[in-house]
Structure formats: C-alpha cells, structure tokens
Amino acid sequence: MDEEIPDFEHNSCEAIVSNLSLHWVNDLVGSMIKIRQALIPDGVFIASLFGGDTLFELRTSLQLAEQERLGGISPHISPMVDPRDMGGLLTRAGLNIPTVDVDKIVVNYPSMFHLMADLNYMGENNAVVKRPSTIKRTTLYAANSIYKEMYGNQDGSVSATFEIVYLIGWKPDPSQPKPLKRGSADVNMKSVL
C-alpha cells in the first residue's frame, strides 16, 4: 500500500495498522484523513513511526562536522515529526480519542560507520530531495570523531537513539465515550488530592 495516498474504499476497514513507515509520508495529515475515510464508524487506526529525536546523535555529529569543515550544514537525516504534535495531527485528520505514547530505544554500534551501514540495510536512508549526493570523507571522519567524543561509551561503542511514536485514533461514531458536562462531577478534586 502507498501510505502517501492510501487507496481504500470508504468505510471498508475495521482497523488499519501502520508499522514504522508513516515517517516517510510528506503529507501526514492528508494520509491520515484518507485512512479515516477508509475506516468504518468506530474503526481504529493504530500506527508507529520514528519521532523527531530519532538519530539525534548522528544528526548533531554530522552538523558539527560540516559546520567545522565546510562552514555550513546540509540535511543528512530525514525530518521526523515531534511526538508532541501527533495528538493534534490525529485530531486534524478527524480521528477521535487520540492516544500517543513514546518509547526511546538506544542501540549501541561499534562506530558511526556501522550505524550508517545498518541504516542503509534497513532502507532508512536520507530521503530529503535537495541534499548533497555525497559527504566528503574528511567530513565523515570528523563526524565519527565528534560522535565518539559526544556520544561514545566506555567500551568504545557509540549510542544511537530510535524514538518510536505509537498512535491510536478512532473514526468518530455516536457510541464513543464523550466527556461529561463541565461541573457535573459528584466529587471535588480537592477532596481526592
């Protein structure tokens, strides 16, 4: 399925699940609107995607090395969404009861070069259109040194953070729970706290 333009019949799916691929979508809200349209009433959308702190160590190291060597920076890590924005994006797409959770998984690699090879094998290369096709070798060696200095471990390995954002949203339906009218509670919060 092309998540950029999901092609489902309207009201045809009870659930749609997307695992670690929505971070490649250019129009995230547009894709989620199409997903909502495909869901039956009270159908659920469940997703995971990489968040904005993913590979921050690599991003920072490359930026510092390029600034030092070239006097400017280029995008080498694809942009990713901030988890704090995801609830609002689900709501903008017309999904109810938005739920967002985040996990940060730290993986250790022998070097920055091993991490970059792993990203290549995963198919998680930079997808930014206007980016340089190559990085100078001296810049890469500088970035590797910066990476080891800033994010290195005692055993000589380097850490790479993968921020996984989990999402759940429901297509609106009258049967869904609604918040009570303001002031209708029987118990005062002061007595509970």
C-alpha atoms as a PDB file:
ATOM      1  CA  MET A   1       0.000   0.000   0.000  1.00  0.00           C
ATOM      2  CA  ASP A   2       1.186   3.518  -0.756  1.00  0.00           C
ATOM      3  CA  GLU A   3       0.754   5.327   2.550  1.00  0.00           C
ATOM      4  CA  GLU A   4       1.265   8.664   0.813  1.00  0.00           C
ATOM      5  CA  ILE A   5      -2.105   8.151  -0.909  1.00  0.00           C
ATOM      6  CA  PRO A   6      -3.905   5.200   0.736  1.00  0.00           C
ATOM      7  CA  ASP A   7      -6.333   3.718  -1.772  1.00  0.00           C
ATOM      8  CA  PHE A   8      -9.103   2.050   0.205  1.00  0.00           C
ATOM      9  CA  GLU A   9     -12.828   2.159  -0.366  1.00  0.00           C
ATOM     10  CA  HIS A  10     -14.595   4.493   2.056  1.00  0.00           C
ATOM     11  CA  ASN A  11     -15.992   2.777   5.174  1.00  0.00           C
ATOM     12  CA  SER A  12     -14.369  -0.550   4.265  1.00  0.00           C
ATOM     13  CA  CYS A  13     -11.877  -1.278   7.083  1.00  0.00           C
ATOM     14  CA  GLU A  14     -12.438  -2.110  10.741  1.00  0.00           C
ATOM     15  CA  ALA A  15      -8.802  -1.382  11.532  1.00  0.00           C
ATOM     16  CA  ILE A  16      -5.758  -0.002   9.751  1.00  0.00           C
ATOM     17  CA  VAL A  17      -2.289  -0.658  11.158  1.00  0.00           C
ATOM     18  CA  SER A  18       0.892   1.064  10.004  1.00  0.00           C
ATOM     19  CA  ASN A  19       4.216  -0.018  11.467  1.00  0.00           C
ATOM     20  CA  LEU A  20       7.291   2.222  11.138  1.00  0.00           C
ATOM     21  CA  SER A  21       6.571   3.652   7.704  1.00  0.00           C
ATOM     22  CA  LEU A  22       4.499   6.830   8.159  1.00  0.00           C
ATOM     23  CA  HIS A  23       7.650   8.869   8.824  1.00  0.00           C
ATOM     24  CA  TRP A  24       8.289   8.667   5.050  1.00  0.00           C
ATOM     25  CA  VAL A  25       4.973  10.381   4.210  1.00  0.00           C
ATOM     26  CA  ASN A  26       5.160  14.009   3.067  1.00  0.00           C
ATOM     27  CA  ASP A  27       1.530  14.932   3.871  1.00  0.00           C
ATOM     28  CA  LEU A  28       0.897  13.117   7.138  1.00  0.00           C
ATOM     29  CA  VAL A  29      -2.475  14.743   7.860  1.00  0.00           C
ATOM     30  CA  GLY A  30      -3.665  14.092   4.294  1.00  0.00           C
ATOM     31  CA  SER A  31      -2.728  10.421   4.596  1.00  0.00           C
ATOM     32  CA  MET A  32      -4.459  10.124   7.973  1.00  0.00           C
ATOM     33  CA  ILE A  33      -7.604  11.751   6.524  1.00  0.00           C
ATOM     34  CA  LYS A  34      -7.643   9.085   3.780  1.00  0.00           C
ATOM     35  CA  ILE A  35      -7.132   6.413   6.442  1.00  0.00           C
ATOM     36  CA  ARG A  36     -10.048   7.828   8.490  1.00  0.00           C
ATOM     37  CA  GLN A  37     -12.262   7.793   5.384  1.00  0.00           C
ATOM     38  CA  ALA A  38     -11.413   4.113   4.830  1.00  0.00           C
ATOM     39  CA  LEU A  39     -12.385   3.146   8.381  1.00  0.00           C
ATOM     40  CA  ILE A  40     -15.909   2.102   9.299  1.00  0.00           C
ATOM     41  CA  PRO A  41     -17.535   4.171  12.083  1.00  0.00           C
ATOM     42  CA  ASP A  42     -15.699   3.400  15.350  1.00  0.00           C
ATOM     43  CA  GLY A  43     -12.892   1.783  13.320  1.00  0.00           C
ATOM     44  CA  VAL A  44      -9.404   2.104  14.759  1.00  0.00           C
ATOM     45  CA  PHE A  45      -6.156   3.412  13.301  1.00  0.00           C
ATOM     46  CA  ILE A  46      -3.011   2.118  15.038  1.00  0.00           C
ATOM     47  CA  ALA A  47       0.444   3.240  13.974  1.00  0.00           C
ATOM     48  CA  SER A  48       4.050   3.527  14.970  1.00  0.00           C
ATOM     49  CA  LEU A  49       6.600   5.827  13.375  1.00  0.00           C
ATOM     50  CA  PHE A  50      10.000   7.277  14.096  1.00  0.00           C
ATOM     51  CA  GLY A  51       9.869  10.531  16.048  1.00  0.00           C
ATOM     52  CA  GLY A  52      11.959  13.684  15.887  1.00  0.00           C
ATOM     53  CA  ASP A  53      14.628  12.570  18.376  1.00  0.00           C
ATOM     54  CA  THR A  54      15.485   9.538  16.252  1.00  0.00           C
ATOM     55  CA  LEU A  55      19.207   9.542  15.420  1.00  0.00           C
ATOM     56  CA  PHE A  56      19.772  12.918  17.093  1.00  0.00           C
ATOM     57  CA  GLU A  57      23.342  11.830  17.853  1.00  0.00           C
ATOM     58  CA  LEU A  58      24.112  11.206  14.177  1.00  0.00           C
ATOM     59  CA  ARG A  59      22.346  14.403  13.094  1.00  0.00           C
ATOM     60  CA  THR A  60      24.292  16.511  15.599  1.00  0.00           C
ATOM     61  CA  SER A  61      27.647  14.911  14.751  1.00  0.00           C
ATOM     62  CA  LEU A  62      27.198  15.432  11.009  1.00  0.00           C
ATOM     63  CA  GLN A  63      26.061  19.036  11.510  1.00  0.00           C
ATOM     64  CA  LEU A  64      29.006  19.899  13.750  1.00  0.00           C
ATOM     65  CA  ALA A  65      31.491  18.249  11.376  1.00  0.00           C
ATOM     66  CA  GLU A  66      30.066  20.061   8.345  1.00  0.00           C
ATOM     67  CA  GLN A  67      29.993  23.374  10.174  1.00  0.00           C
ATOM     68  CA  GLU A  68      33.635  22.890  11.152  1.00  0.00           C
ATOM     69  CA  ARG A  69      34.830  21.640   7.740  1.00  0.00           C
ATOM     70  CA  LEU A  70      32.550  23.442   5.297  1.00  0.00           C
ATOM     71  CA  GLY A  71      31.200  26.451   7.184  1.00  0.00           C
ATOM     72  CA  GLY A  72      27.573  25.306   6.783  1.00  0.00           C
ATOM     73  CA  ILE A  73      25.311  22.292   7.130  1.00  0.00           C
ATOM     74  CA  SER A  74      23.206  20.093   4.851  1.00  0.00           C
ATOM     75  CA  PRO A  75      20.297  17.840   5.811  1.00  0.00           C
ATOM     76  CA  HIS A  76      21.523  14.256   6.134  1.00  0.00           C
ATOM     77  CA  ILE A  77      18.809  12.840   8.387  1.00  0.00           C
ATOM     78  CA  SER A  78      15.229  12.893   7.110  1.00  0.00           C
ATOM     79  CA  PRO A  79      12.965  15.224   9.098  1.00  0.00           C
ATOM     80  CA  MET A  80      10.608  13.474  11.504  1.00  0.00           C
ATOM     81  CA  VAL A  81       7.573  14.572  13.463  1.00  0.00           C
ATOM     82  CA  ASP A  82       7.697  15.761  17.064  1.00  0.00           C
ATOM     83  CA  PRO A  83       5.604  13.392  19.233  1.00  0.00           C
ATOM     84  CA  ARG A  84       4.015  16.399  20.976  1.00  0.00           C
ATOM     85  CA  ASP A  85       2.368  17.309  17.654  1.00  0.00           C
ATOM     86  CA  MET A  86       0.867  13.895  16.956  1.00  0.00           C
ATOM     87  CA  GLY A  87      -2.296  14.234  19.066  1.00  0.00           C
ATOM     88  CA  GLY A  88      -3.140  17.437  17.210  1.00  0.00           C
ATOM     89  CA  LEU A  89      -2.404  15.808  13.846  1.00  0.00           C
ATOM     90  CA  LEU A  90      -4.736  12.904  14.659  1.00  0.00           C
ATOM     91  CA  THR A  91      -7.441  15.403  15.640  1.00  0.00           C
ATOM     92  CA  ARG A  92      -6.880  17.480  12.473  1.00  0.00           C
ATOM     93  CA  ALA A  93      -7.349  14.274  10.482  1.00  0.00           C
ATOM     94  CA  GLY A  94     -10.747  13.851  12.152  1.00  0.00           C
ATOM     95  CA  LEU A  95      -9.867  10.945  14.438  1.00  0.00           C
ATOM     96  CA  ASN A  96     -11.327  10.776  17.948  1.00  0.00           C
ATOM     97  CA  ILE A  97      -9.853   9.744  21.286  1.00  0.00           C
ATOM     98  CA  PRO A  98      -6.270  10.320  20.100  1.00  0.00           C
ATOM     99  CA  THR A  99      -3.671   8.480  22.130  1.00  0.00           C
ATOM    100  CA  VAL A 100       0.080   8.968  21.728  1.00  0.00           C
ATOM    101  CA  ASP A 101       2.893   7.165  23.512  1.00  0.00           C
ATOM    102  CA  VAL A 102       6.659   7.257  23.017  1.00  0.00           C
ATOM    103  CA  ASP A 103       9.491   4.784  23.541  1.00  0.00           C
ATOM    104  CA  LYS A 104      13.158   5.597  23.163  1.00  0.00           C
ATOM    105  CA  ILE A 105      15.301   2.645  22.199  1.00  0.00           C
ATOM    106  CA  VAL A 106      19.067   3.086  22.409  1.00  0.00           C
ATOM    107  CA  VAL A 107      21.189   0.775  20.266  1.00  0.00           C
ATOM    108  CA  ASN A 108      24.978   0.603  20.548  1.00  0.00           C
ATOM    109  CA  TYR A 109      27.185   0.340  17.453  1.00  0.00           C
ATOM    110  CA  PRO A 110      30.960  -0.126  17.132  1.00  0.00           C
ATOM    111  CA  SER A 111      31.154   3.192  15.234  1.00  0.00           C
ATOM    112  CA  MET A 112      29.133   5.776  13.358  1.00  0.00           C
ATOM    113  CA  PHE A 113      30.027   3.928  10.147  1.00  0.00           C
ATOM    114  CA  HIS A 114      28.445   0.711  11.432  1.00  0.00           C
ATOM    115  CA  LEU A 115      25.294   2.668  12.305  1.00  0.00           C
ATOM    116  CA  MET A 116      25.170   4.216   8.828  1.00  0.00           C
ATOM    117  CA  ALA A 117      25.605   0.776   7.214  1.00  0.00           C
ATOM    118  CA  ASP A 118      22.778  -0.589   9.374  1.00  0.00           C
ATOM    119  CA  LEU A 119      20.525   2.323   8.350  1.00  0.00           C
ATOM    120  CA  ASN A 120      21.330   1.563   4.719  1.00  0.00           C
ATOM    121  CA  TYR A 121      20.404  -2.119   5.199  1.00  0.00           C
ATOM    122  CA  MET A 122      17.164  -1.038   6.908  1.00  0.00           C
ATOM    123  CA  GLY A 123      16.281   1.202   3.960  1.00  0.00           C
ATOM    124  CA  GLU A 124      16.273   4.212   6.284  1.00  0.00           C
ATOM    125  CA  ASN A 125      18.486   6.445   4.156  1.00  0.00           C
ATOM    126  CA  ASN A 126      18.020  10.175   3.813  1.00  0.00           C
ATOM    127  CA  ALA A 127      15.033  10.969   1.588  1.00  0.00           C
ATOM    128  CA  VAL A 128      15.428  14.752   1.503  1.00  0.00           C
ATOM    129  CA  VAL A 129      15.202  15.855  -2.145  1.00  0.00           C
ATOM    130  CA  LYS A 130      17.622  18.806  -2.074  1.00  0.00           C
ATOM    131  CA  ARG A 131      20.626  17.279  -0.390  1.00  0.00           C
ATOM    132  CA  PRO A 132      24.174  16.651  -1.482  1.00  0.00           C
ATOM    133  CA  SER A 133      24.632  13.210  -3.029  1.00  0.00           C
ATOM    134  CA  THR A 134      27.894  12.613  -1.161  1.00  0.00           C
ATOM    135  CA  ILE A 135      29.669  13.659   2.001  1.00  0.00           C
ATOM    136  CA  LYS A 136      33.400  14.315   1.905  1.00  0.00           C
ATOM    137  CA  ARG A 137      35.480  11.608   3.545  1.00  0.00           C
ATOM    138  CA  THR A 138      37.209  14.142   5.821  1.00  0.00           C
ATOM    139  CA  THR A 139      33.791  15.345   6.994  1.00  0.00           C
ATOM    140  CA  LEU A 140      32.716  11.773   7.748  1.00  0.00           C
ATOM    141  CA  TYR A 141      35.882  11.094   9.748  1.00  0.00           C
ATOM    142  CA  ALA A 142      35.361  14.343  11.660  1.00  0.00           C
ATOM    143  CA  ALA A 143      31.725  13.383  12.332  1.00  0.00           C
ATOM    144  CA  ASN A 144      32.812   9.954  13.573  1.00  0.00           C
ATOM    145  CA  SER A 145      35.299  11.576  15.985  1.00  0.00           C
ATOM    146  CA  ILE A 146      32.655  14.029  17.212  1.00  0.00           C
ATOM    147  CA  TYR A 147      30.153  11.186  17.612  1.00  0.00           C
ATOM    148  CA  LYS A 148      32.610   9.144  19.706  1.00  0.00           C
ATOM    149  CA  GLU A 149      33.513  12.186  21.812  1.00  0.00           C
ATOM    150  CA  MET A 150      29.934  13.301  22.476  1.00  0.00           C
ATOM    151  CA  TYR A 151      28.012  10.006  22.498  1.00  0.00           C
ATOM    152  CA  GLY A 152      30.681   7.350  22.944  1.00  0.00           C
ATOM    153  CA  ASN A 153      30.531   4.641  25.569  1.00  0.00           C
ATOM    154  CA  GLN A 154      33.362   3.369  27.761  1.00  0.00           C
ATOM    155  CA  ASP A 155      33.686   0.224  25.637  1.00  0.00           C
ATOM    156  CA  GLY A 156      34.354   2.340  22.511  1.00  0.00           C
ATOM    157  CA  SER A 157      30.887   1.883  21.012  1.00  0.00           C
ATOM    158  CA  VAL A 158      28.505   4.735  20.180  1.00  0.00           C
ATOM    159  CA  SER A 159      24.823   5.020  21.066  1.00  0.00           C
ATOM    160  CA  ALA A 160      22.036   5.682  18.581  1.00  0.00           C
ATOM    161  CA  THR A 161      18.559   6.652  19.760  1.00  0.00           C
ATOM    162  CA  PHE A 162      15.438   5.499  17.944  1.00  0.00           C
ATOM    163  CA  GLU A 163      12.343   7.344  19.159  1.00  0.00           C
ATOM    164  CA  ILE A 164       9.243   5.278  18.400  1.00  0.00           C
ATOM    165  CA  VAL A 165       5.919   7.131  18.489  1.00  0.00           C
ATOM    166  CA  TYR A 166       2.786   4.992  18.915  1.00  0.00           C
ATOM    167  CA  LEU A 167      -0.589   6.353  17.811  1.00  0.00           C
ATOM    168  CA  ILE A 168      -4.201   5.297  18.184  1.00  0.00           C
ATOM    169  CA  GLY A 169      -7.183   7.164  16.787  1.00  0.00           C
ATOM    170  CA  TRP A 170     -10.790   6.171  16.203  1.00  0.00           C
ATOM    171  CA  LYS A 171     -13.164   7.151  13.417  1.00  0.00           C
ATOM    172  CA  PRO A 172     -15.997   9.157  15.012  1.00  0.00           C
ATOM    173  CA  ASP A 173     -19.136   7.259  15.998  1.00  0.00           C
ATOM    174  CA  PRO A 174     -22.047   8.251  18.291  1.00  0.00           C
ATOM    175  CA  SER A 175     -21.343   5.205  20.507  1.00  0.00           C
ATOM    176  CA  GLN A 176     -17.926   6.531  21.574  1.00  0.00           C
ATOM    177  CA  PRO A 177     -17.473   7.879  25.118  1.00  0.00           C
ATOM    178  CA  LYS A 178     -17.901  11.625  25.498  1.00  0.00           C
ATOM    179  CA  PRO A 179     -16.594  13.914  28.238  1.00  0.00           C
ATOM    180  CA  LEU A 180     -19.135  14.866  30.876  1.00  0.00           C
ATOM    181  CA  LYS A 181     -20.531  18.386  31.021  1.00  0.00           C
ATOM    182  CA  ARG A 182     -18.221  20.762  32.878  1.00  0.00           C
ATOM    183  CA  GLY A 183     -19.142  20.984  36.570  1.00  0.00           C
ATOM    184  CA  SER A 184     -21.209  17.780  36.568  1.00  0.00           C
ATOM    185  CA  ALA A 185     -18.828  15.752  38.778  1.00  0.00           C
ATOM    186  CA  ASP A 186     -20.039  14.417  42.131  1.00  0.00           C
ATOM    187  CA  VAL A 187     -16.594  14.505  43.777  1.00  0.00           C
ATOM    188  CA  ASN A 188     -14.454  17.604  44.252  1.00  0.00           C
ATOM    189  CA  MET A 189     -10.828  17.178  43.086  1.00  0.00           C
ATOM    190  CA  LYS A 190      -9.600  18.883  46.276  1.00  0.00           C
ATOM    191  CA  SER A 191     -11.021  16.037  48.364  1.00  0.00           C
ATOM    192  CA  VAL A 192      -9.251  13.442  46.204  1.00  0.00           C
ATOM    193  CA  LEU A 193      -5.871  15.163  46.198  1.00  0.00           C
END
